[in-house]
Amino acid sequence: MQVEGIDDRSILLAKHIIETKDTVRKTAKLFGISKSTVHKDVTERLERINKSLYLEVQKVLEQNKRERHIRGGIATREKYKARALS
């Protein structure tokens, strides 16, 4: 998908995060941009562009923040499980 400008990219990223509940890291990887760009787009820029979309994406980001320790534990478990099988 061709993105016209930064504002359009911000909206596209926000809609993706809301629809998929993806993390900033996963979204950045999918779109081929840095995590800091995604974060800046969906926080600073989006708040100026579309306040209601900004508020929605903030809910998802807060949920992801609350769950990150769980994802980290799962990743660690998988890492050591893979080492044990090698």
C-alpha atoms as a PDB file:
ATOM      1  CA  MET A   1       0.000   0.000   0.000  1.00  0.00           C
ATOM      2  CA  GLN A   2       1.357   3.400  -1.022  1.00  0.00           C
ATOM      3  CA  VAL A   3       1.310   5.955   1.766  1.00  0.00           C
ATOM      4  CA  GLU A   4       1.089   9.620   0.714  1.00  0.00           C
ATOM      5  CA  GLY A   5       2.648  11.278   3.746  1.00  0.00           C
ATOM      6  CA  ILE A   6       3.470  11.085   7.405  1.00  0.00           C
ATOM      7  CA  ASP A   7      -0.091  11.878   8.476  1.00  0.00           C
ATOM      8  CA  ASP A   8      -1.462   9.066   6.297  1.00  0.00           C
ATOM      9  CA  ARG A   9       1.172   6.685   7.650  1.00  0.00           C
ATOM     10  CA  SER A  10       0.234   7.602  11.213  1.00  0.00           C
ATOM     11  CA  ILE A  11      -3.414   6.792  10.553  1.00  0.00           C
ATOM     12  CA  LEU A  12      -2.521   3.548   8.751  1.00  0.00           C
ATOM     13  CA  LEU A  13      -0.293   2.397  11.617  1.00  0.00           C
ATOM     14  CA  ALA A  14      -2.921   3.279  14.216  1.00  0.00           C
ATOM     15  CA  LYS A  15      -5.661   1.395  12.374  1.00  0.00           C
ATOM     16  CA  HIS A  16      -3.371  -1.634  12.063  1.00  0.00           C
ATOM     17  CA  ILE A  17      -2.537  -1.617  15.778  1.00  0.00           C
ATOM     18  CA  ILE A  18      -6.205  -1.253  16.744  1.00  0.00           C
ATOM     19  CA  GLU A  19      -7.385  -4.025  14.401  1.00  0.00           C
ATOM     20  CA  THR A  20      -4.632  -6.540  15.178  1.00  0.00           C
ATOM     21  CA  LYS A  21      -3.629  -5.524  18.733  1.00  0.00           C
ATOM     22  CA  ASP A  22      -0.020  -5.806  17.517  1.00  0.00           C
ATOM     23  CA  THR A  23       2.836  -4.345  19.518  1.00  0.00           C
ATOM     24  CA  VAL A  24       4.872  -1.371  18.321  1.00  0.00           C
ATOM     25  CA  ARG A  25       7.774  -3.766  17.636  1.00  0.00           C
ATOM     26  CA  LYS A  26       5.676  -6.126  15.510  1.00  0.00           C
ATOM     27  CA  THR A  27       4.059  -3.234  13.636  1.00  0.00           C
ATOM     28  CA  ALA A  28       7.454  -1.674  12.914  1.00  0.00           C
ATOM     29  CA  LYS A  29       8.784  -4.949  11.549  1.00  0.00           C
ATOM     30  CA  LEU A  30       5.700  -5.473   9.384  1.00  0.00           C
ATOM     31  CA  PHE A  31       5.872  -1.983   7.878  1.00  0.00           C
ATOM     32  CA  GLY A  32       9.672  -1.937   7.593  1.00  0.00           C
ATOM     33  CA  ILE A  33      10.185   1.133   9.765  1.00  0.00           C
ATOM     34  CA  SER A  34      11.769   1.744  13.157  1.00  0.00           C
ATOM     35  CA  LYS A  35       9.988   1.252  16.485  1.00  0.00           C
ATOM     36  CA  SER A  36      10.629   4.868  17.375  1.00  0.00           C
ATOM     37  CA  THR A  37       8.950   6.021  14.148  1.00  0.00           C
ATOM     38  CA  VAL A  38       5.874   3.895  14.864  1.00  0.00           C
ATOM     39  CA  HIS A  39       5.732   5.159  18.423  1.00  0.00           C
ATOM     40  CA  LYS A  40       6.090   8.801  17.402  1.00  0.00           C
ATOM     41  CA  ASP A  41       3.481   8.396  14.650  1.00  0.00           C
ATOM     42  CA  VAL A  42       0.836   6.833  16.899  1.00  0.00           C
ATOM     43  CA  THR A  43       1.431   9.105  19.882  1.00  0.00           C
ATOM     44  CA  GLU A  44       2.647  12.596  19.035  1.00  0.00           C
ATOM     45  CA  ARG A  45       1.520  12.917  15.421  1.00  0.00           C
ATOM     46  CA  LEU A  46      -1.745  11.011  15.706  1.00  0.00           C
ATOM     47  CA  GLU A  47      -2.911  13.071  18.681  1.00  0.00           C
ATOM     48  CA  ARG A  48      -2.693  16.169  16.478  1.00  0.00           C
ATOM     49  CA  ILE A  49      -4.286  14.518  13.419  1.00  0.00           C
ATOM     50  CA  ASN A  50      -7.124  12.395  14.806  1.00  0.00           C
ATOM     51  CA  LYS A  51      -7.838  12.600  18.530  1.00  0.00           C
ATOM     52  CA  SER A  52     -10.431   9.786  18.622  1.00  0.00           C
ATOM     53  CA  LEU A  53      -8.141   7.350  16.788  1.00  0.00           C
ATOM     54  CA  TYR A  54      -5.323   8.419  19.102  1.00  0.00           C
ATOM     55  CA  LEU A  55      -7.412   7.557  22.154  1.00  0.00           C
ATOM     56  CA  GLU A  56      -8.273   4.123  20.713  1.00  0.00           C
ATOM     57  CA  VAL A  57      -4.668   3.245  19.914  1.00  0.00           C
ATOM     58  CA  GLN A  58      -3.571   4.379  23.380  1.00  0.00           C
ATOM     59  CA  LYS A  59      -5.878   1.757  24.906  1.00  0.00           C
ATOM     60  CA  VAL A  60      -4.176  -0.972  22.872  1.00  0.00           C
ATOM     61  CA  LEU A  61      -0.690   0.333  23.709  1.00  0.00           C
ATOM     62  CA  GLU A  62      -1.541   0.409  27.417  1.00  0.00           C
ATOM     63  CA  GLN A  63      -2.883  -3.154  27.254  1.00  0.00           C
ATOM     64  CA  ASN A  64       0.295  -4.286  25.488  1.00  0.00           C
ATOM     65  CA  LYS A  65       2.361  -2.533  28.144  1.00  0.00           C
ATOM     66  CA  ARG A  66       0.492  -4.372  30.904  1.00  0.00           C
ATOM     67  CA  GLU A  67       1.078  -7.710  29.147  1.00  0.00           C
ATOM     68  CA  ARG A  68       4.718  -7.297  28.164  1.00  0.00           C
ATOM     69  CA  HIS A  69       6.093  -9.174  31.166  1.00  0.00           C
ATOM     70  CA  ILE A  70       3.970 -12.172  30.163  1.00  0.00           C
ATOM     71  CA  ARG A  71       5.266 -12.087  26.571  1.00  0.00           C
ATOM     72  CA  GLY A  72       8.820 -11.772  27.882  1.00  0.00           C
ATOM     73  CA  GLY A  73       8.393 -14.838  30.070  1.00  0.00           C
ATOM     74  CA  ILE A  74       6.996 -16.856  27.181  1.00  0.00           C
ATOM     75  CA  ALA A  75       9.898 -15.813  24.950  1.00  0.00           C
ATOM     76  CA  THR A  76      12.424 -16.831  27.596  1.00  0.00           C
ATOM     77  CA  ARG A  77      10.754 -20.201  28.089  1.00  0.00           C
ATOM     78  CA  GLU A  78      10.767 -20.841  24.326  1.00  0.00           C
ATOM     79  CA  LYS A  79      14.429 -19.826  24.098  1.00  0.00           C
ATOM     80  CA  TYR A  80      15.518 -22.360  26.713  1.00  0.00           C
ATOM     81  CA  LYS A  81      13.191 -25.035  25.362  1.00  0.00           C
ATOM     82  CA  ALA A  82      14.843 -24.652  21.941  1.00  0.00           C
ATOM     83  CA  ARG A  83      18.312 -24.892  23.502  1.00  0.00           C
ATOM     84  CA  ALA A  84      17.350 -28.082  25.343  1.00  0.00           C
ATOM     85  CA  LEU A  85      16.219 -29.694  22.097  1.00  0.00           C
ATOM     86  CA  SER A  86      19.472 -28.829  20.267  1.00  0.00           C
END
